[in-house]
């Protein structure tokens, strides 16, 4: 019974985690398509959200599967995680 309650409490958190990046995944896919002509799966694009939106410097290029894609972060003053 305790395990069921624990899973029920954690499940909404896990589901909202992927939904938080829903629009960003499509942005990554379209940017890679535009820059390199490659089709990126949703799972691979989800893995690239951090590098293209959170941890890059605006104006710099980020390597995505051997392809150079522009950083998608819009605010150069934003520092994530500090």
C-alpha atoms as a PDB file:
ATOM      1  CA  UNK A   1       0.000   0.000   0.000  1.00  0.00           C
ATOM      2  CA  UNK A   2       2.844   2.360   0.852  1.00  0.00           C
ATOM      3  CA  UNK A   3       4.448   1.758  -2.570  1.00  0.00           C
ATOM      4  CA  UNK A   4       1.214   2.558  -4.392  1.00  0.00           C
ATOM      5  CA  UNK A   5       0.885   5.854  -2.550  1.00  0.00           C
ATOM      6  CA  UNK A   6       4.515   6.688  -3.316  1.00  0.00           C
ATOM      7  CA  UNK A   7       4.073   5.970  -7.042  1.00  0.00           C
ATOM      8  CA  UNK A   8       0.832   7.976  -7.118  1.00  0.00           C
ATOM      9  CA  UNK A   9       2.615  10.935  -5.547  1.00  0.00           C
ATOM     10  CA  UNK A  10       5.617  10.821  -7.894  1.00  0.00           C
ATOM     11  CA  UNK A  11       3.778  10.114 -11.169  1.00  0.00           C
ATOM     12  CA  UNK A  12       2.431  13.668 -11.722  1.00  0.00           C
ATOM     13  CA  UNK A  13       5.903  15.104 -11.163  1.00  0.00           C
ATOM     14  CA  UNK A  14       7.413  12.755 -13.743  1.00  0.00           C
ATOM     15  CA  UNK A  15       4.722  13.538 -16.295  1.00  0.00           C
ATOM     16  CA  UNK A  16       5.019  17.313 -15.965  1.00  0.00           C
ATOM     17  CA  UNK A  17       8.790  17.146 -16.363  1.00  0.00           C
ATOM     18  CA  UNK A  18       8.593  16.189 -20.024  1.00  0.00           C
ATOM     19  CA  UNK A  19       5.654  18.502 -20.682  1.00  0.00           C
ATOM     20  CA  UNK A  20       7.693  21.468 -19.445  1.00  0.00           C
ATOM     21  CA  UNK A  21       9.947  21.101 -22.488  1.00  0.00           C
ATOM     22  CA  UNK A  22       7.173  20.274 -24.983  1.00  0.00           C
ATOM     23  CA  UNK A  23       7.500  23.419 -27.116  1.00  0.00           C
ATOM     24  CA  UNK A  24      11.278  23.445 -26.806  1.00  0.00           C
ATOM     25  CA  UNK A  25      11.573  19.965 -28.344  1.00  0.00           C
ATOM     26  CA  UNK A  26       9.861  21.138 -31.509  1.00  0.00           C
ATOM     27  CA  UNK A  27      12.055  24.252 -31.564  1.00  0.00           C
ATOM     28  CA  UNK A  28      15.178  22.091 -31.363  1.00  0.00           C
ATOM     29  CA  UNK A  29      13.904  19.798 -34.122  1.00  0.00           C
ATOM     30  CA  UNK A  30      13.126  22.703 -36.456  1.00  0.00           C
ATOM     31  CA  UNK A  31      16.444  24.458 -35.765  1.00  0.00           C
ATOM     32  CA  UNK A  32      18.438  21.285 -36.509  1.00  0.00           C
ATOM     33  CA  UNK A  33      16.371  20.748 -39.668  1.00  0.00           C
ATOM     34  CA  UNK A  34      16.992  24.345 -40.753  1.00  0.00           C
ATOM     35  CA  UNK A  35      20.718  24.361 -39.949  1.00  0.00           C
ATOM     36  CA  UNK A  36      21.667  20.868 -41.132  1.00  0.00           C
ATOM     37  CA  UNK A  37      18.766  19.313 -42.976  1.00  0.00           C
ATOM     38  CA  UNK A  38      18.658  16.490 -40.403  1.00  0.00           C
ATOM     39  CA  UNK A  39      15.526  15.050 -38.844  1.00  0.00           C
ATOM     40  CA  UNK A  40      15.986  14.656 -35.091  1.00  0.00           C
ATOM     41  CA  UNK A  41      13.721  12.314 -33.108  1.00  0.00           C
ATOM     42  CA  UNK A  42      11.749  13.764 -30.194  1.00  0.00           C
ATOM     43  CA  UNK A  43      13.866  11.805 -27.699  1.00  0.00           C
ATOM     44  CA  UNK A  44      17.120  13.092 -29.194  1.00  0.00           C
ATOM     45  CA  UNK A  45      15.745  16.637 -29.339  1.00  0.00           C
ATOM     46  CA  UNK A  46      14.678  16.408 -25.687  1.00  0.00           C
ATOM     47  CA  UNK A  47      18.254  15.501 -24.770  1.00  0.00           C
ATOM     48  CA  UNK A  48      19.495  18.648 -26.571  1.00  0.00           C
ATOM     49  CA  UNK A  49      17.097  21.124 -24.892  1.00  0.00           C
ATOM     50  CA  UNK A  50      19.526  21.788 -22.034  1.00  0.00           C
ATOM     51  CA  UNK A  51      22.489  22.493 -24.300  1.00  0.00           C
ATOM     52  CA  UNK A  52      20.533  24.692 -26.744  1.00  0.00           C
ATOM     53  CA  UNK A  53      18.344  26.632 -24.305  1.00  0.00           C
ATOM     54  CA  UNK A  54      19.928  26.570 -20.857  1.00  0.00           C
ATOM     55  CA  UNK A  55      23.683  26.101 -20.849  1.00  0.00           C
ATOM     56  CA  UNK A  56      24.838  27.853 -24.030  1.00  0.00           C
ATOM     57  CA  UNK A  57      25.826  31.454 -24.676  1.00  0.00           C
ATOM     58  CA  UNK A  58      23.578  33.378 -27.096  1.00  0.00           C
ATOM     59  CA  UNK A  59      25.337  33.800 -30.429  1.00  0.00           C
ATOM     60  CA  UNK A  60      27.514  30.706 -29.983  1.00  0.00           C
ATOM     61  CA  UNK A  61      27.125  27.474 -31.911  1.00  0.00           C
ATOM     62  CA  UNK A  62      26.341  24.161 -30.201  1.00  0.00           C
ATOM     63  CA  UNK A  63      27.299  20.759 -31.615  1.00  0.00           C
ATOM     64  CA  UNK A  64      24.239  18.542 -32.164  1.00  0.00           C
ATOM     65  CA  UNK A  65      25.059  15.186 -33.768  1.00  0.00           C
ATOM     66  CA  UNK A  66      28.007  16.655 -35.684  1.00  0.00           C
ATOM     67  CA  UNK A  67      26.018  19.691 -36.754  1.00  0.00           C
ATOM     68  CA  UNK A  68      26.578  23.264 -35.544  1.00  0.00           C
ATOM     69  CA  UNK A  69      23.312  24.861 -34.351  1.00  0.00           C
ATOM     70  CA  UNK A  70      22.925  28.376 -32.953  1.00  0.00           C
ATOM     71  CA  UNK A  71      22.168  28.757 -29.245  1.00  0.00           C
ATOM     72  CA  UNK A  72      18.426  29.247 -28.788  1.00  0.00           C
ATOM     73  CA  UNK A  73      18.630  31.110 -25.468  1.00  0.00           C
ATOM     74  CA  UNK A  74      17.218  34.587 -25.958  1.00  0.00           C
ATOM     75  CA  UNK A  75      18.420  36.415 -22.839  1.00  0.00           C
ATOM     76  CA  UNK A  76      22.180  36.663 -22.518  1.00  0.00           C
ATOM     77  CA  UNK A  77      21.886  37.905 -18.938  1.00  0.00           C
ATOM     78  CA  UNK A  78      20.081  34.802 -17.721  1.00  0.00           C
ATOM     79  CA  UNK A  79      22.243  32.421 -15.727  1.00  0.00           C
ATOM     80  CA  UNK A  80      20.615  29.069 -15.030  1.00  0.00           C
ATOM     81  CA  UNK A  81      21.524  27.135 -11.915  1.00  0.00           C
ATOM     82  CA  UNK A  82      23.376  29.857 -10.038  1.00  0.00           C
END
